[in-house]
N, C-alpha and C. Protein backbone atom coordinates (compact mmCIF):
# COMPACT_ATOMS: atom_id res chain seq x y z
N UNK A 1 15.76 16.21 7.41
CA UNK A 1 14.33 16.21 7.24
C UNK A 1 13.81 17.64 7.28
N UNK A 2 12.76 17.88 6.57
CA UNK A 2 12.13 19.20 6.50
C UNK A 2 10.82 19.22 7.25
N UNK A 3 10.46 20.41 7.76
CA UNK A 3 9.13 20.60 8.35
C UNK A 3 8.12 20.55 7.20
N UNK A 4 6.97 19.97 7.46
CA UNK A 4 5.91 19.87 6.44
C UNK A 4 4.84 20.90 6.75
N UNK A 5 4.37 21.58 5.70
CA UNK A 5 3.35 22.61 5.88
C UNK A 5 2.18 22.38 4.92
N UNK A 6 1.23 23.28 4.98
CA UNK A 6 0.00 23.15 4.20
C UNK A 6 0.26 22.95 2.71
N UNK A 7 1.29 23.55 2.15
CA UNK A 7 1.54 23.48 0.72
C UNK A 7 2.46 22.33 0.31
N UNK A 8 2.92 21.53 1.26
CA UNK A 8 3.77 20.38 0.94
C UNK A 8 2.96 19.36 0.13
N UNK A 9 3.64 18.65 -0.74
CA UNK A 9 2.98 17.65 -1.57
C UNK A 9 3.07 16.28 -0.90
N UNK A 10 1.92 15.79 -0.45
CA UNK A 10 1.81 14.45 0.13
C UNK A 10 0.90 13.66 -0.80
N UNK A 11 1.34 12.46 -1.18
CA UNK A 11 0.54 11.67 -2.12
C UNK A 11 0.38 10.23 -1.61
N UNK A 12 -0.64 9.57 -2.13
CA UNK A 12 -0.79 8.14 -1.87
C UNK A 12 0.20 7.41 -2.77
N UNK A 13 0.32 6.11 -2.58
CA UNK A 13 1.24 5.31 -3.36
C UNK A 13 0.94 5.26 -4.84
N UNK A 14 -0.25 5.72 -5.23
CA UNK A 14 -0.64 5.74 -6.65
C UNK A 14 -0.56 7.16 -7.22
N UNK A 15 -0.07 8.12 -6.44
CA UNK A 15 0.08 9.53 -6.81
C UNK A 15 -1.18 10.36 -6.69
N UNK A 16 -2.18 9.89 -5.94
CA UNK A 16 -3.32 10.74 -5.60
C UNK A 16 -2.86 11.79 -4.59
N UNK A 17 -3.42 12.96 -4.62
CA UNK A 17 -2.95 14.06 -3.79
C UNK A 17 -3.74 14.17 -2.48
N UNK A 18 -3.00 14.25 -1.37
CA UNK A 18 -3.61 14.42 -0.05
C UNK A 18 -3.93 15.91 0.14
N UNK A 19 -5.14 16.18 0.61
CA UNK A 19 -5.57 17.55 0.87
C UNK A 19 -5.16 17.95 2.29
N UNK A 20 -4.10 18.74 2.39
CA UNK A 20 -3.58 19.16 3.69
C UNK A 20 -4.46 20.23 4.32
N UNK A 21 -4.79 20.06 5.60
CA UNK A 21 -5.53 21.05 6.37
C UNK A 21 -4.84 21.21 7.72
N UNK A 22 -4.12 22.30 7.93
CA UNK A 22 -3.45 22.49 9.21
C UNK A 22 -4.45 22.77 10.33
N UNK A 23 -4.17 22.21 11.50
CA UNK A 23 -5.05 22.45 12.65
C UNK A 23 -4.60 23.64 13.48
N UNK A 24 -3.44 24.19 13.17
CA UNK A 24 -2.95 25.38 13.86
C UNK A 24 -2.48 26.36 12.79
N UNK A 25 -2.47 27.64 13.14
CA UNK A 25 -2.12 28.66 12.14
C UNK A 25 -1.12 29.69 12.65
N UNK A 26 -0.59 29.51 13.84
CA UNK A 26 0.30 30.54 14.34
C UNK A 26 1.77 30.23 14.16
N UNK A 27 2.16 28.97 13.90
CA UNK A 27 3.55 28.65 13.55
C UNK A 27 3.58 28.37 12.06
N UNK A 28 4.40 29.14 11.35
CA UNK A 28 4.43 29.04 9.89
C UNK A 28 5.87 28.93 9.39
N UNK A 29 6.00 28.46 8.15
CA UNK A 29 7.27 28.50 7.42
C UNK A 29 7.01 29.43 6.24
N UNK A 30 7.62 30.60 6.30
CA UNK A 30 7.43 31.62 5.26
C UNK A 30 5.95 31.93 5.02
N UNK A 31 5.20 32.00 6.12
CA UNK A 31 3.80 32.39 6.06
C UNK A 31 2.82 31.26 5.84
N UNK A 32 3.30 30.03 5.70
CA UNK A 32 2.43 28.88 5.45
C UNK A 32 2.38 28.03 6.73
N UNK A 33 1.19 27.74 7.28
CA UNK A 33 1.09 26.98 8.53
C UNK A 33 1.69 25.59 8.44
N UNK A 34 2.46 25.21 9.48
CA UNK A 34 3.04 23.87 9.54
C UNK A 34 1.99 22.86 9.99
N UNK A 35 2.21 21.61 9.62
CA UNK A 35 1.31 20.53 10.03
C UNK A 35 1.82 19.91 11.33
N UNK A 36 0.89 19.55 12.19
CA UNK A 36 1.20 18.86 13.45
C UNK A 36 0.27 17.65 13.56
N UNK A 37 0.56 16.78 14.55
CA UNK A 37 -0.33 15.63 14.76
C UNK A 37 -1.71 16.13 15.16
N UNK A 38 -2.79 15.67 14.63
CA UNK A 38 -3.00 14.57 13.68
C UNK A 38 -3.30 15.06 12.26
N UNK A 39 -2.73 16.19 11.85
CA UNK A 39 -3.08 16.79 10.54
C UNK A 39 -3.00 15.85 9.34
N UNK A 40 -2.02 14.95 9.23
CA UNK A 40 -1.98 14.09 8.03
C UNK A 40 -2.95 12.90 8.08
N UNK A 41 -3.66 12.73 9.18
CA UNK A 41 -4.55 11.57 9.32
C UNK A 41 -5.99 11.95 8.99
N UNK A 42 -6.69 11.01 8.36
CA UNK A 42 -8.10 11.18 7.98
C UNK A 42 -8.32 12.38 7.05
N UNK A 43 -7.40 12.56 6.12
CA UNK A 43 -7.52 13.63 5.13
C UNK A 43 -7.95 13.06 3.79
N UNK A 44 -8.67 13.87 3.03
CA UNK A 44 -9.17 13.47 1.72
C UNK A 44 -8.00 13.32 0.74
N UNK A 45 -8.12 12.32 -0.13
CA UNK A 45 -7.16 12.12 -1.22
C UNK A 45 -7.92 12.29 -2.52
N UNK A 46 -7.41 13.13 -3.40
CA UNK A 46 -8.07 13.36 -4.69
C UNK A 46 -7.21 12.81 -5.83
N UNK A 47 -7.87 12.44 -6.89
CA UNK A 47 -7.25 12.01 -8.15
C UNK A 47 -6.40 10.75 -8.03
N UNK A 48 -6.77 9.83 -7.15
CA UNK A 48 -6.07 8.54 -7.10
C UNK A 48 -6.48 7.75 -8.34
N UNK A 49 -5.52 7.37 -9.18
CA UNK A 49 -5.85 6.68 -10.42
C UNK A 49 -6.09 5.18 -10.25
N UNK A 50 -6.01 4.67 -9.04
CA UNK A 50 -6.16 3.24 -8.78
C UNK A 50 -7.65 2.90 -8.60
N UNK A 51 -8.33 2.59 -9.68
CA UNK A 51 -9.74 2.24 -9.58
C UNK A 51 -10.12 1.23 -10.65
N UNK A 52 -11.21 0.55 -10.42
CA UNK A 52 -11.68 -0.46 -11.35
C UNK A 52 -12.84 -1.22 -10.72
N UNK A 53 -13.34 -2.27 -11.38
CA UNK A 53 -14.51 -2.99 -10.87
C UNK A 53 -14.34 -3.54 -9.46
N UNK A 54 -13.17 -4.04 -9.12
CA UNK A 54 -12.96 -4.61 -7.78
C UNK A 54 -11.86 -3.87 -7.02
N UNK A 55 -11.52 -2.68 -7.48
CA UNK A 55 -10.43 -1.91 -6.87
C UNK A 55 -10.99 -0.62 -6.30
N UNK A 56 -10.63 -0.33 -5.04
CA UNK A 56 -11.06 0.90 -4.39
C UNK A 56 -9.91 1.89 -4.43
N UNK A 57 -10.14 3.08 -4.99
CA UNK A 57 -9.07 4.08 -4.99
C UNK A 57 -8.84 4.62 -3.57
N UNK A 58 -7.71 5.23 -3.37
CA UNK A 58 -7.41 5.86 -2.09
C UNK A 58 -8.28 7.12 -1.98
N UNK A 59 -9.10 7.17 -0.95
CA UNK A 59 -9.97 8.33 -0.72
C UNK A 59 -9.62 9.09 0.54
N UNK A 60 -8.99 8.41 1.53
CA UNK A 60 -8.62 9.05 2.80
C UNK A 60 -7.32 8.46 3.33
N UNK A 61 -6.57 9.32 4.01
CA UNK A 61 -5.40 8.82 4.72
C UNK A 61 -5.86 8.17 6.01
N UNK A 62 -5.07 7.28 6.53
CA UNK A 62 -5.35 6.61 7.80
C UNK A 62 -4.21 6.93 8.76
N UNK A 63 -3.85 6.00 9.60
CA UNK A 63 -2.85 6.25 10.65
C UNK A 63 -1.46 6.53 10.07
N UNK A 64 -0.71 7.30 10.83
CA UNK A 64 0.69 7.60 10.50
C UNK A 64 1.57 6.64 11.28
N UNK A 65 2.53 6.00 10.60
CA UNK A 65 3.43 5.08 11.29
C UNK A 65 4.72 5.77 11.71
N UNK A 66 5.24 6.66 10.89
CA UNK A 66 6.41 7.49 11.22
C UNK A 66 6.21 8.87 10.61
N UNK A 67 6.90 9.84 11.17
CA UNK A 67 6.85 11.18 10.58
C UNK A 67 6.57 12.30 11.55
N UNK A 68 6.28 11.96 12.80
CA UNK A 68 6.10 13.00 13.81
C UNK A 68 7.41 13.21 14.55
N UNK A 69 7.77 14.46 14.77
CA UNK A 69 8.99 14.77 15.51
C UNK A 69 8.88 14.24 16.94
N UNK A 70 10.00 13.76 17.46
CA UNK A 70 10.00 13.27 18.84
C UNK A 70 10.27 14.39 19.84
N UNK A 71 10.70 15.57 19.35
CA UNK A 71 10.97 16.64 20.30
C UNK A 71 10.47 18.02 19.90
N UNK A 72 10.13 18.27 18.63
CA UNK A 72 9.58 19.56 18.21
C UNK A 72 8.07 19.53 18.32
N UNK A 73 7.50 20.51 19.04
CA UNK A 73 6.06 20.52 19.28
C UNK A 73 5.49 21.93 19.11
N UNK A 74 4.22 21.96 18.71
CA UNK A 74 3.43 23.19 18.66
C UNK A 74 2.16 22.89 19.45
N UNK A 75 1.90 23.65 20.49
CA UNK A 75 0.75 23.40 21.36
C UNK A 75 0.71 21.94 21.83
N UNK A 76 1.85 21.42 22.22
CA UNK A 76 2.01 20.06 22.72
C UNK A 76 1.82 18.96 21.67
N UNK A 77 1.65 19.34 20.40
CA UNK A 77 1.50 18.35 19.32
C UNK A 77 2.78 18.30 18.51
N UNK A 78 3.28 17.08 18.20
CA UNK A 78 4.52 16.97 17.43
C UNK A 78 4.36 17.52 16.00
N UNK A 79 5.41 18.14 15.52
CA UNK A 79 5.47 18.68 14.16
C UNK A 79 5.65 17.52 13.18
N UNK A 80 5.05 17.64 11.99
CA UNK A 80 5.18 16.63 10.94
C UNK A 80 6.47 16.91 10.17
N UNK A 81 7.26 15.85 9.95
CA UNK A 81 8.52 15.96 9.22
C UNK A 81 8.45 15.18 7.91
N UNK A 82 9.42 15.44 7.04
CA UNK A 82 9.37 14.91 5.68
C UNK A 82 9.55 13.40 5.55
N UNK A 83 9.88 12.69 6.63
CA UNK A 83 9.96 11.24 6.54
C UNK A 83 8.60 10.59 6.84
N UNK A 84 7.53 11.38 6.78
CA UNK A 84 6.16 10.92 7.01
C UNK A 84 5.84 9.67 6.19
N UNK A 85 5.21 8.72 6.84
CA UNK A 85 4.73 7.51 6.17
C UNK A 85 3.52 7.00 6.94
N UNK A 86 2.44 6.74 6.22
CA UNK A 86 1.23 6.22 6.84
C UNK A 86 0.42 5.45 5.82
N UNK A 87 -0.69 4.92 6.25
CA UNK A 87 -1.54 4.12 5.38
C UNK A 87 -2.70 4.93 4.81
N UNK A 88 -3.32 4.38 3.75
CA UNK A 88 -4.53 4.95 3.17
C UNK A 88 -5.63 3.89 3.23
N UNK A 89 -6.82 4.26 2.77
CA UNK A 89 -7.94 3.31 2.74
C UNK A 89 -8.08 2.61 1.39
N UNK A 90 -7.09 2.75 0.51
CA UNK A 90 -7.15 2.14 -0.82
C UNK A 90 -6.86 0.65 -0.80
N UNK A 91 -7.05 0.01 -1.96
CA UNK A 91 -6.79 -1.43 -2.08
C UNK A 91 -5.42 -1.66 -2.71
N UNK A 92 -4.78 -2.74 -2.35
CA UNK A 92 -5.19 -3.72 -1.35
C UNK A 92 -5.10 -3.15 0.06
N UNK A 93 -6.06 -3.49 0.94
CA UNK A 93 -6.13 -2.91 2.29
C UNK A 93 -4.84 -3.12 3.09
N UNK A 94 -4.45 -2.08 3.80
CA UNK A 94 -3.29 -2.15 4.67
C UNK A 94 -1.94 -2.17 3.98
N UNK A 95 -1.92 -1.88 2.68
CA UNK A 95 -0.64 -1.92 1.96
C UNK A 95 -0.29 -0.62 1.24
N UNK A 96 -1.25 0.27 1.03
CA UNK A 96 -1.00 1.50 0.28
C UNK A 96 -0.64 2.61 1.27
N UNK A 97 0.49 3.24 1.03
CA UNK A 97 1.00 4.26 1.94
C UNK A 97 0.81 5.67 1.38
N UNK A 98 0.80 6.66 2.29
CA UNK A 98 0.90 8.06 1.88
C UNK A 98 2.22 8.59 2.41
N UNK A 99 2.90 9.38 1.57
CA UNK A 99 4.22 9.89 1.90
C UNK A 99 4.41 11.27 1.31
N UNK A 100 5.41 11.97 1.83
CA UNK A 100 5.76 13.30 1.32
C UNK A 100 6.54 13.11 0.02
N UNK A 101 6.06 13.72 -1.04
CA UNK A 101 6.78 13.70 -2.33
C UNK A 101 7.66 14.94 -2.47
N UNK A 102 7.19 16.06 -1.92
CA UNK A 102 7.95 17.30 -2.02
C UNK A 102 7.57 18.19 -0.84
N UNK A 103 8.53 18.49 0.07
CA UNK A 103 8.19 19.34 1.21
C UNK A 103 7.83 20.77 0.79
N UNK A 104 8.27 21.17 -0.39
CA UNK A 104 8.01 22.50 -0.94
C UNK A 104 8.52 23.63 -0.05
N UNK A 105 9.55 23.31 0.70
CA UNK A 105 10.28 24.35 1.43
C UNK A 105 11.63 23.76 1.79
N UNK A 106 12.68 24.58 1.69
CA UNK A 106 14.02 24.15 2.05
C UNK A 106 14.58 25.03 3.16
N UNK A 107 13.74 25.85 3.74
CA UNK A 107 14.16 26.83 4.73
C UNK A 107 14.35 26.22 6.11
N UNK A 108 13.46 25.33 6.53
CA UNK A 108 13.46 24.83 7.90
C UNK A 108 13.57 23.32 7.94
N UNK A 109 14.61 22.82 8.60
CA UNK A 109 14.81 21.39 8.73
C UNK A 109 14.99 21.01 10.18
N UNK A 110 14.96 19.70 10.46
CA UNK A 110 15.13 19.20 11.82
C UNK A 110 15.50 17.74 11.79
N UNK A 111 16.10 17.29 12.87
CA UNK A 111 16.29 15.85 13.08
C UNK A 111 15.00 15.31 13.68
N UNK A 112 14.80 14.02 13.57
CA UNK A 112 13.58 13.42 14.10
C UNK A 112 13.51 13.64 15.60
């Protein structure tokens, strides 16, 4: 698994892009801040193509089910790893996930 940072590609299940915003800036991978809990939660999703008269596109990420390191921490918050998986607010409710498509770094890895 790879550490996830601000430039990693996280998408909803329909390929909408999650807007990463790191809450810390002093631990980086090649100068790019890593994400920690709760950075992947409640983030904006842009360009979700899943829309229609009775369909709500993914607009925000929701809770993370897996993807936080059990032992790597920054300021007592677990680091986000590439096996990240969580829900979005898109339809059908409770079924659309957000996941890492590309960590965009191969320099730093870790076990869960």
